[in-house]
Amino acid sequence: MGSEALITFARSSGKNGRVAPSADAFLVQFRRFRKRYPAVKAYAAWNEANHCGIGTCKKPQLVARYFDSIRRNCSGCRSSPPTCSTSRT
């Protein structure tokens, strides 16, 4: 019995790190990740999507599109909705 990584995505650490990527930009990067790591099969759409410091807290439709992108572009993968922070944001 082994373990499996659950990959979750979050903001960039670069100068635009507080800006959420567009759904199209997310999809491009997700596909790049899948190409590089095809063995990874478990994903969460976004880490702490309700945290206002990372650009997604008031954009639930955008984060839902990230989730949809994973489900549509990763046949055989398991995907979970975005995770949420339990602390006040």
C-alpha atoms as a PDB file:
ATOM      1  CA  MET A   1       0.000   0.000   0.000  1.00  0.00           C
ATOM      2  CA  GLY A   2       1.516   3.307  -1.040  1.00  0.00           C
ATOM      3  CA  SER A   3       0.770   6.952  -0.787  1.00  0.00           C
ATOM      4  CA  GLU A   4      -0.305   9.402  -3.429  1.00  0.00           C
ATOM      5  CA  ALA A   5       0.370  13.107  -3.764  1.00  0.00           C
ATOM      6  CA  LEU A   6      -2.577  15.511  -3.838  1.00  0.00           C
ATOM      7  CA  ILE A   7      -1.542  18.484  -5.929  1.00  0.00           C
ATOM      8  CA  THR A   8      -3.160  21.819  -5.259  1.00  0.00           C
ATOM      9  CA  PHE A   9      -2.509  25.103  -6.987  1.00  0.00           C
ATOM     10  CA  ALA A  10      -1.951  28.562  -5.547  1.00  0.00           C
ATOM     11  CA  ARG A  11      -0.744  31.977  -6.606  1.00  0.00           C
ATOM     12  CA  SER A  12       2.586  32.709  -8.205  1.00  0.00           C
ATOM     13  CA  SER A  13       5.368  33.979  -6.009  1.00  0.00           C
ATOM     14  CA  GLY A  14       6.333  36.523  -8.678  1.00  0.00           C
ATOM     15  CA  LYS A  15       5.393  40.177  -8.987  1.00  0.00           C
ATOM     16  CA  ASN A  16       1.849  39.311 -10.108  1.00  0.00           C
ATOM     17  CA  GLY A  17       1.325  36.852  -7.252  1.00  0.00           C
ATOM     18  CA  ARG A  18      -1.725  38.627  -5.866  1.00  0.00           C
ATOM     19  CA  VAL A  19      -3.539  38.472  -9.186  1.00  0.00           C
ATOM     20  CA  ALA A  20      -5.480  35.302  -9.929  1.00  0.00           C
ATOM     21  CA  PRO A  21      -4.665  33.817 -13.327  1.00  0.00           C
ATOM     22  CA  SER A  22      -7.362  33.800 -15.963  1.00  0.00           C
ATOM     23  CA  ALA A  23      -9.077  30.469 -16.554  1.00  0.00           C
ATOM     24  CA  ASP A  24      -7.206  30.169 -19.848  1.00  0.00           C
ATOM     25  CA  ALA A  25      -3.830  30.857 -18.209  1.00  0.00           C
ATOM     26  CA  PHE A  26      -4.619  28.298 -15.493  1.00  0.00           C
ATOM     27  CA  LEU A  27      -5.457  25.705 -18.151  1.00  0.00           C
ATOM     28  CA  VAL A  28      -2.201  26.327 -20.031  1.00  0.00           C
ATOM     29  CA  GLN A  29      -0.164  25.820 -16.854  1.00  0.00           C
ATOM     30  CA  PHE A  30      -2.220  22.808 -15.774  1.00  0.00           C
ATOM     31  CA  ARG A  31      -1.575  21.137 -19.119  1.00  0.00           C
ATOM     32  CA  ARG A  32       2.147  21.883 -18.796  1.00  0.00           C
ATOM     33  CA  PHE A  33       2.151  20.311 -15.339  1.00  0.00           C
ATOM     34  CA  ARG A  34       0.290  17.219 -16.597  1.00  0.00           C
ATOM     35  CA  LYS A  35       2.718  16.787 -19.464  1.00  0.00           C
ATOM     36  CA  ARG A  36       5.679  16.937 -17.099  1.00  0.00           C
ATOM     37  CA  TYR A  37       4.116  14.758 -14.374  1.00  0.00           C
ATOM     38  CA  PRO A  38       1.689  12.351 -16.056  1.00  0.00           C
ATOM     39  CA  ALA A  39       1.720   9.941 -13.096  1.00  0.00           C
ATOM     40  CA  VAL A  40       0.040  12.502 -10.828  1.00  0.00           C
ATOM     41  CA  LYS A  41      -3.676  11.730 -10.692  1.00  0.00           C
ATOM     42  CA  ALA A  42      -5.066  13.643  -7.679  1.00  0.00           C
ATOM     43  CA  TYR A  43      -5.742  17.383  -7.760  1.00  0.00           C
ATOM     44  CA  ALA A  44      -7.437  20.135  -5.809  1.00  0.00           C
ATOM     45  CA  ALA A  45      -8.346  23.132  -7.950  1.00  0.00           C
ATOM     46  CA  TRP A  46      -6.895  25.877  -5.719  1.00  0.00           C
ATOM     47  CA  ASN A  47      -5.429  26.168  -2.236  1.00  0.00           C
ATOM     48  CA  GLU A  48      -7.323  28.447   0.178  1.00  0.00           C
ATOM     49  CA  ALA A  49      -9.484  29.954  -2.558  1.00  0.00           C
ATOM     50  CA  ASN A  50     -11.345  32.155  -0.067  1.00  0.00           C
ATOM     51  CA  HIS A  51      -8.179  33.873   1.222  1.00  0.00           C
ATOM     52  CA  CYS A  52      -8.318  37.498   0.070  1.00  0.00           C
ATOM     53  CA  GLY A  53      -4.556  37.924  -0.148  1.00  0.00           C
ATOM     54  CA  ILE A  54      -4.267  35.694  -3.212  1.00  0.00           C
ATOM     55  CA  GLY A  55      -6.736  37.221  -5.653  1.00  0.00           C
ATOM     56  CA  THR A  56      -9.497  34.601  -5.645  1.00  0.00           C
ATOM     57  CA  CYS A  57     -11.586  35.339  -2.543  1.00  0.00           C
ATOM     58  CA  LYS A  58     -14.346  37.214  -4.352  1.00  0.00           C
ATOM     59  CA  LYS A  59     -14.168  35.196  -7.572  1.00  0.00           C
ATOM     60  CA  PRO A  60     -15.874  31.854  -6.967  1.00  0.00           C
ATOM     61  CA  GLN A  61     -16.852  31.519 -10.640  1.00  0.00           C
ATOM     62  CA  LEU A  62     -13.212  31.802 -11.685  1.00  0.00           C
ATOM     63  CA  VAL A  63     -12.091  29.150  -9.210  1.00  0.00           C
ATOM     64  CA  ALA A  64     -14.956  26.925 -10.389  1.00  0.00           C
ATOM     65  CA  ARG A  65     -13.586  27.262 -13.914  1.00  0.00           C
ATOM     66  CA  TYR A  66     -10.185  26.068 -12.642  1.00  0.00           C
ATOM     67  CA  PHE A  67     -11.910  22.989 -11.188  1.00  0.00           C
ATOM     68  CA  ASP A  68     -13.783  22.393 -14.460  1.00  0.00           C
ATOM     69  CA  SER A  69     -10.514  22.670 -16.399  1.00  0.00           C
ATOM     70  CA  ILE A  70      -8.956  19.925 -14.301  1.00  0.00           C
ATOM     71  CA  ARG A  71     -11.955  17.629 -14.677  1.00  0.00           C
ATOM     72  CA  ARG A  72     -12.177  18.128 -18.444  1.00  0.00           C
ATOM     73  CA  ASN A  73      -8.464  17.797 -19.118  1.00  0.00           C
ATOM     74  CA  CYS A  74      -7.436  14.959 -16.870  1.00  0.00           C
ATOM     75  CA  SER A  75      -9.275  11.788 -17.740  1.00  0.00           C
ATOM     76  CA  GLY A  76      -8.838   9.224 -15.000  1.00  0.00           C
ATOM     77  CA  CYS A  77      -7.802  11.797 -12.417  1.00  0.00           C
ATOM     78  CA  ARG A  78      -9.480  12.505  -9.123  1.00  0.00           C
ATOM     79  CA  SER A  79     -10.184  16.157  -8.482  1.00  0.00           C
ATOM     80  CA  SER A  80     -11.603  17.939  -5.501  1.00  0.00           C
ATOM     81  CA  PRO A  81     -13.119  21.387  -5.255  1.00  0.00           C
ATOM     82  CA  PRO A  82     -10.902  24.233  -4.064  1.00  0.00           C
ATOM     83  CA  THR A  83      -9.814  24.124  -0.455  1.00  0.00           C
ATOM     84  CA  CYS A  84     -10.874  26.939   1.864  1.00  0.00           C
ATOM     85  CA  SER A  85      -9.134  28.624   4.749  1.00  0.00           C
ATOM     86  CA  THR A  86     -10.904  28.372   8.086  1.00  0.00           C
ATOM     87  CA  SER A  87      -9.284  31.528   9.439  1.00  0.00           C
ATOM     88  CA  ARG A  88     -10.732  34.977   8.928  1.00  0.00           C
ATOM     89  CA  THR A  89      -9.558  36.534   5.694  1.00  0.00           C
END
